[in-house]
Amino acid sequence: MEKQPAIYILESGYNGTLTIGVTGHLIQRGWQHKQDLVEGFTKKYSVHFLVYYEMHEEMQAAIQREKQLKKWNRQWKINLIEKMNPAWKDLWEELGKR
């Protein structure tokens, strides 16, 4: 997968912690999270499972979407995730096959 702006939602486990991020290279960022190379929240709380992502044409659009989603309440985020990923599978492996 080539470099492309994206937003993503990670979770720590069933009904666990959710976090939202933005990146220019989703697969690379996923590897960094899985290896605990990203200092901060995701490492501290073991938030490593990719449950949702959106690809964007421009970084500014991805950043705006990230800010929007961060303002949403938890249930809205859960509803968004379940539209794309009703089984809450870890999508990192699926992305690596593209």
N, C-alpha and C. Protein backbone atom coordinates (compact mmCIF):
# COMPACT_ATOMS: atom_id res chain seq x y z
N MET A 1 0.84 -1.17 0.00
CA MET A 1 0.00 0.00 0.00
C MET A 1 0.89 1.24 0.00
N GLU A 2 0.63 2.14 -0.92
CA GLU A 2 1.39 3.37 -1.00
C GLU A 2 0.95 4.33 0.08
N LYS A 3 1.75 5.35 0.24
CA LYS A 3 1.44 6.37 1.22
C LYS A 3 0.12 7.05 0.85
N GLN A 4 -0.80 7.07 1.81
CA GLN A 4 -2.09 7.70 1.58
C GLN A 4 -2.67 8.11 2.94
N PRO A 5 -3.18 9.33 3.06
CA PRO A 5 -3.76 9.77 4.32
C PRO A 5 -4.92 8.87 4.74
N ALA A 6 -4.99 8.62 6.03
CA ALA A 6 -6.05 7.77 6.56
C ALA A 6 -6.31 8.13 8.03
N ILE A 7 -7.53 7.88 8.46
CA ILE A 7 -7.84 7.92 9.90
C ILE A 7 -8.11 6.49 10.30
N TYR A 8 -7.93 6.21 11.59
CA TYR A 8 -8.14 4.85 12.06
C TYR A 8 -8.63 4.88 13.50
N ILE A 9 -9.34 3.81 13.86
CA ILE A 9 -9.77 3.62 15.24
C ILE A 9 -9.17 2.31 15.73
N LEU A 10 -8.51 2.39 16.87
CA LEU A 10 -7.92 1.22 17.52
C LEU A 10 -8.71 0.92 18.79
N GLU A 11 -8.67 -0.34 19.20
CA GLU A 11 -9.30 -0.73 20.46
C GLU A 11 -8.37 -1.66 21.22
N SER A 12 -8.62 -1.76 22.52
CA SER A 12 -7.77 -2.58 23.38
C SER A 12 -8.32 -3.99 23.56
N GLY A 13 -9.57 -4.21 23.21
CA GLY A 13 -10.22 -5.50 23.39
C GLY A 13 -11.71 -5.27 23.49
N TYR A 14 -12.47 -6.34 23.59
CA TYR A 14 -13.93 -6.21 23.61
C TYR A 14 -14.39 -5.23 24.67
N ASN A 15 -15.17 -4.25 24.24
CA ASN A 15 -15.73 -3.22 25.12
C ASN A 15 -14.64 -2.45 25.87
N GLY A 16 -13.47 -2.35 25.25
CA GLY A 16 -12.34 -1.70 25.91
C GLY A 16 -12.15 -0.27 25.43
N THR A 17 -10.94 0.18 25.55
CA THR A 17 -10.56 1.54 25.21
C THR A 17 -10.51 1.72 23.69
N LEU A 18 -11.03 2.84 23.22
CA LEU A 18 -10.96 3.23 21.81
C LEU A 18 -10.07 4.45 21.68
N THR A 19 -9.33 4.52 20.59
CA THR A 19 -8.57 5.73 20.29
C THR A 19 -8.58 5.96 18.78
N ILE A 20 -8.48 7.21 18.39
CA ILE A 20 -8.54 7.59 16.98
C ILE A 20 -7.23 8.25 16.60
N GLY A 21 -6.72 7.92 15.42
CA GLY A 21 -5.48 8.52 14.94
C GLY A 21 -5.54 8.84 13.47
N VAL A 22 -4.52 9.54 13.00
CA VAL A 22 -4.39 9.90 11.59
C VAL A 22 -2.96 9.59 11.17
N THR A 23 -2.78 9.17 9.93
CA THR A 23 -1.46 8.81 9.43
C THR A 23 -1.40 8.97 7.92
N GLY A 24 -0.21 9.01 7.40
CA GLY A 24 0.00 9.03 5.96
C GLY A 24 0.28 7.65 5.40
N HIS A 25 0.49 6.67 6.28
CA HIS A 25 0.80 5.31 5.85
C HIS A 25 0.24 4.33 6.88
N LEU A 26 -0.94 3.84 6.61
CA LEU A 26 -1.69 3.04 7.59
C LEU A 26 -1.00 1.74 7.98
N ILE A 27 -0.45 1.02 7.03
CA ILE A 27 0.20 -0.25 7.35
C ILE A 27 1.43 -0.03 8.22
N GLN A 28 2.24 0.95 7.86
CA GLN A 28 3.43 1.26 8.66
C GLN A 28 3.03 1.67 10.07
N ARG A 29 2.01 2.49 10.19
CA ARG A 29 1.57 2.94 11.50
C ARG A 29 1.05 1.76 12.33
N GLY A 30 0.36 0.85 11.68
CA GLY A 30 -0.13 -0.33 12.38
C GLY A 30 1.00 -1.16 12.95
N TRP A 31 2.04 -1.35 12.16
CA TRP A 31 3.19 -2.10 12.63
C TRP A 31 3.82 -1.41 13.84
N GLN A 32 3.92 -0.09 13.78
CA GLN A 32 4.48 0.67 14.89
C GLN A 32 3.65 0.48 16.17
N HIS A 33 2.34 0.51 16.03
CA HIS A 33 1.47 0.30 17.19
C HIS A 33 1.62 -1.13 17.73
N LYS A 34 1.61 -2.09 16.84
CA LYS A 34 1.72 -3.50 17.26
C LYS A 34 3.03 -3.78 17.99
N GLN A 35 4.09 -3.10 17.59
CA GLN A 35 5.41 -3.29 18.21
C GLN A 35 5.63 -2.37 19.41
N ASP A 36 4.61 -1.61 19.79
CA ASP A 36 4.71 -0.64 20.89
C ASP A 36 5.82 0.38 20.66
N LEU A 37 5.98 0.80 19.42
CA LEU A 37 6.99 1.80 19.08
C LEU A 37 6.44 3.22 19.18
N VAL A 38 5.13 3.35 19.34
CA VAL A 38 4.49 4.65 19.44
C VAL A 38 4.29 4.95 20.92
N GLU A 39 5.07 5.88 21.44
CA GLU A 39 4.96 6.24 22.85
C GLU A 39 3.64 6.94 23.10
N GLY A 40 3.10 6.74 24.27
CA GLY A 40 1.90 7.46 24.65
C GLY A 40 0.74 6.53 24.96
N PHE A 41 -0.44 7.01 24.65
CA PHE A 41 -1.69 6.38 25.04
C PHE A 41 -1.81 4.94 24.57
N THR A 42 -1.56 4.69 23.29
CA THR A 42 -1.76 3.34 22.76
C THR A 42 -0.82 2.33 23.39
N LYS A 43 0.40 2.73 23.67
CA LYS A 43 1.34 1.84 24.32
C LYS A 43 0.97 1.62 25.79
N LYS A 44 0.64 2.69 26.48
CA LYS A 44 0.31 2.62 27.90
C LYS A 44 -0.90 1.73 28.16
N TYR A 45 -1.91 1.81 27.30
CA TYR A 45 -3.16 1.07 27.51
C TYR A 45 -3.32 -0.13 26.57
N SER A 46 -2.28 -0.53 25.88
CA SER A 46 -2.30 -1.69 24.97
C SER A 46 -3.46 -1.62 23.98
N VAL A 47 -3.55 -0.50 23.30
CA VAL A 47 -4.60 -0.30 22.30
C VAL A 47 -3.98 -0.58 20.94
N HIS A 48 -4.16 -1.81 20.43
CA HIS A 48 -3.43 -2.23 19.23
C HIS A 48 -4.31 -2.77 18.11
N PHE A 49 -5.58 -3.02 18.35
CA PHE A 49 -6.43 -3.68 17.36
C PHE A 49 -7.12 -2.66 16.46
N LEU A 50 -6.86 -2.75 15.16
CA LEU A 50 -7.49 -1.87 14.19
C LEU A 50 -8.90 -2.38 13.92
N VAL A 51 -9.90 -1.55 14.26
CA VAL A 51 -11.28 -1.97 14.04
C VAL A 51 -12.01 -1.11 13.00
N TYR A 52 -11.38 0.00 12.59
CA TYR A 52 -12.02 0.88 11.60
C TYR A 52 -10.94 1.75 10.96
N TYR A 53 -11.14 2.06 9.69
CA TYR A 53 -10.26 3.02 9.01
C TYR A 53 -10.99 3.65 7.84
N GLU A 54 -10.53 4.81 7.45
CA GLU A 54 -11.02 5.51 6.25
C GLU A 54 -9.80 6.06 5.53
N MET A 55 -9.76 5.88 4.24
CA MET A 55 -8.70 6.45 3.42
C MET A 55 -9.19 7.80 2.88
N HIS A 56 -8.27 8.77 2.76
CA HIS A 56 -8.61 10.10 2.27
C HIS A 56 -7.62 10.50 1.18
N GLU A 57 -8.06 11.39 0.32
CA GLU A 57 -7.21 11.87 -0.77
C GLU A 57 -6.16 12.85 -0.27
N GLU A 58 -6.51 13.67 0.73
CA GLU A 58 -5.60 14.69 1.21
C GLU A 58 -5.46 14.60 2.72
N MET A 59 -4.28 14.93 3.23
CA MET A 59 -4.04 14.86 4.66
C MET A 59 -4.95 15.81 5.43
N GLN A 60 -5.20 16.99 4.88
CA GLN A 60 -6.07 17.95 5.58
C GLN A 60 -7.46 17.37 5.80
N ALA A 61 -7.99 16.64 4.83
CA ALA A 61 -9.31 16.01 4.99
C ALA A 61 -9.27 14.94 6.08
N ALA A 62 -8.19 14.19 6.12
CA ALA A 62 -8.05 13.15 7.14
C ALA A 62 -7.96 13.78 8.53
N ILE A 63 -7.22 14.85 8.65
CA ILE A 63 -7.08 15.53 9.95
C ILE A 63 -8.42 16.09 10.40
N GLN A 64 -9.17 16.68 9.47
CA GLN A 64 -10.50 17.21 9.82
C GLN A 64 -11.43 16.09 10.28
N ARG A 65 -11.38 14.95 9.59
CA ARG A 65 -12.23 13.81 9.98
C ARG A 65 -11.82 13.28 11.35
N GLU A 66 -10.52 13.20 11.60
CA GLU A 66 -10.05 12.74 12.91
C GLU A 66 -10.60 13.65 14.01
N LYS A 67 -10.50 14.95 13.82
CA LYS A 67 -11.00 15.90 14.82
C LYS A 67 -12.51 15.74 15.03
N GLN A 68 -13.23 15.52 13.93
CA GLN A 68 -14.68 15.32 14.03
C GLN A 68 -15.00 14.07 14.86
N LEU A 69 -14.35 12.96 14.53
CA LEU A 69 -14.64 11.71 15.23
C LEU A 69 -14.25 11.76 16.71
N LYS A 70 -13.19 12.49 17.02
CA LYS A 70 -12.77 12.60 18.42
C LYS A 70 -13.82 13.31 19.27
N LYS A 71 -14.67 14.11 18.65
CA LYS A 71 -15.73 14.81 19.38
C LYS A 71 -16.97 13.94 19.56
N TRP A 72 -17.07 12.85 18.81
CA TRP A 72 -18.24 11.98 18.89
C TRP A 72 -18.28 11.26 20.23
N ASN A 73 -19.51 10.91 20.66
CA ASN A 73 -19.61 10.10 21.87
C ASN A 73 -19.29 8.64 21.52
N ARG A 74 -19.05 7.86 22.54
CA ARG A 74 -18.61 6.47 22.37
C ARG A 74 -19.59 5.65 21.52
N GLN A 75 -20.87 5.79 21.76
CA GLN A 75 -21.84 4.98 21.03
C GLN A 75 -21.83 5.28 19.54
N TRP A 76 -21.66 6.53 19.16
CA TRP A 76 -21.58 6.88 17.74
C TRP A 76 -20.37 6.22 17.10
N LYS A 77 -19.26 6.19 17.82
CA LYS A 77 -18.05 5.53 17.31
C LYS A 77 -18.29 4.03 17.16
N ILE A 78 -18.93 3.43 18.14
CA ILE A 78 -19.24 2.00 18.07
C ILE A 78 -20.13 1.70 16.87
N ASN A 79 -21.14 2.53 16.65
CA ASN A 79 -22.04 2.34 15.50
C ASN A 79 -21.27 2.43 14.19
N LEU A 80 -20.34 3.39 14.09
CA LEU A 80 -19.52 3.54 12.89
C LEU A 80 -18.67 2.30 12.66
N ILE A 81 -18.02 1.82 13.71
CA ILE A 81 -17.19 0.62 13.63
C ILE A 81 -18.02 -0.57 13.17
N GLU A 82 -19.19 -0.75 13.76
CA GLU A 82 -20.00 -1.93 13.47
C GLU A 82 -20.58 -1.93 12.06
N LYS A 83 -20.70 -0.76 11.43
CA LYS A 83 -21.12 -0.72 10.03
C LYS A 83 -20.06 -1.34 9.13
N MET A 84 -18.79 -1.06 9.41
CA MET A 84 -17.68 -1.56 8.59
C MET A 84 -17.21 -2.93 9.06
N ASN A 85 -17.25 -3.15 10.35
CA ASN A 85 -16.60 -4.32 10.94
C ASN A 85 -17.46 -4.89 12.07
N PRO A 86 -18.60 -5.50 11.71
CA PRO A 86 -19.53 -5.97 12.75
C PRO A 86 -18.95 -7.01 13.70
N ALA A 87 -17.95 -7.74 13.28
CA ALA A 87 -17.33 -8.77 14.14
C ALA A 87 -16.17 -8.19 14.97
N TRP A 88 -15.85 -6.93 14.78
CA TRP A 88 -14.75 -6.28 15.49
C TRP A 88 -13.43 -7.04 15.28
N LYS A 89 -13.20 -7.49 14.03
CA LYS A 89 -11.94 -8.17 13.71
C LYS A 89 -10.81 -7.16 13.70
N ASP A 90 -9.60 -7.65 13.97
CA ASP A 90 -8.41 -6.83 13.84
C ASP A 90 -8.09 -6.74 12.35
N LEU A 91 -8.17 -5.56 11.78
CA LEU A 91 -8.06 -5.37 10.34
C LEU A 91 -6.63 -5.16 9.84
N TRP A 92 -5.64 -5.14 10.72
CA TRP A 92 -4.26 -4.93 10.27
C TRP A 92 -3.83 -5.98 9.26
N GLU A 93 -4.10 -7.24 9.56
CA GLU A 93 -3.67 -8.31 8.64
C GLU A 93 -4.34 -8.18 7.29
N GLU A 94 -5.61 -7.86 7.29
CA GLU A 94 -6.36 -7.67 6.05
C GLU A 94 -5.73 -6.56 5.21
N LEU A 95 -5.31 -5.49 5.84
CA LEU A 95 -4.68 -4.37 5.10
C LEU A 95 -3.35 -4.80 4.49
N GLY A 96 -2.59 -5.63 5.21
CA GLY A 96 -1.30 -6.07 4.72
C GLY A 96 -1.38 -6.92 3.46
N LYS A 97 -2.53 -7.47 3.18
CA LYS A 97 -2.71 -8.33 2.00
C LYS A 97 -3.09 -7.54 0.76
N ARG A 98 -3.34 -6.26 0.92
CA ARG A 98 -3.75 -5.42 -0.23
C ARG A 98 -2.59 -5.05 -1.09
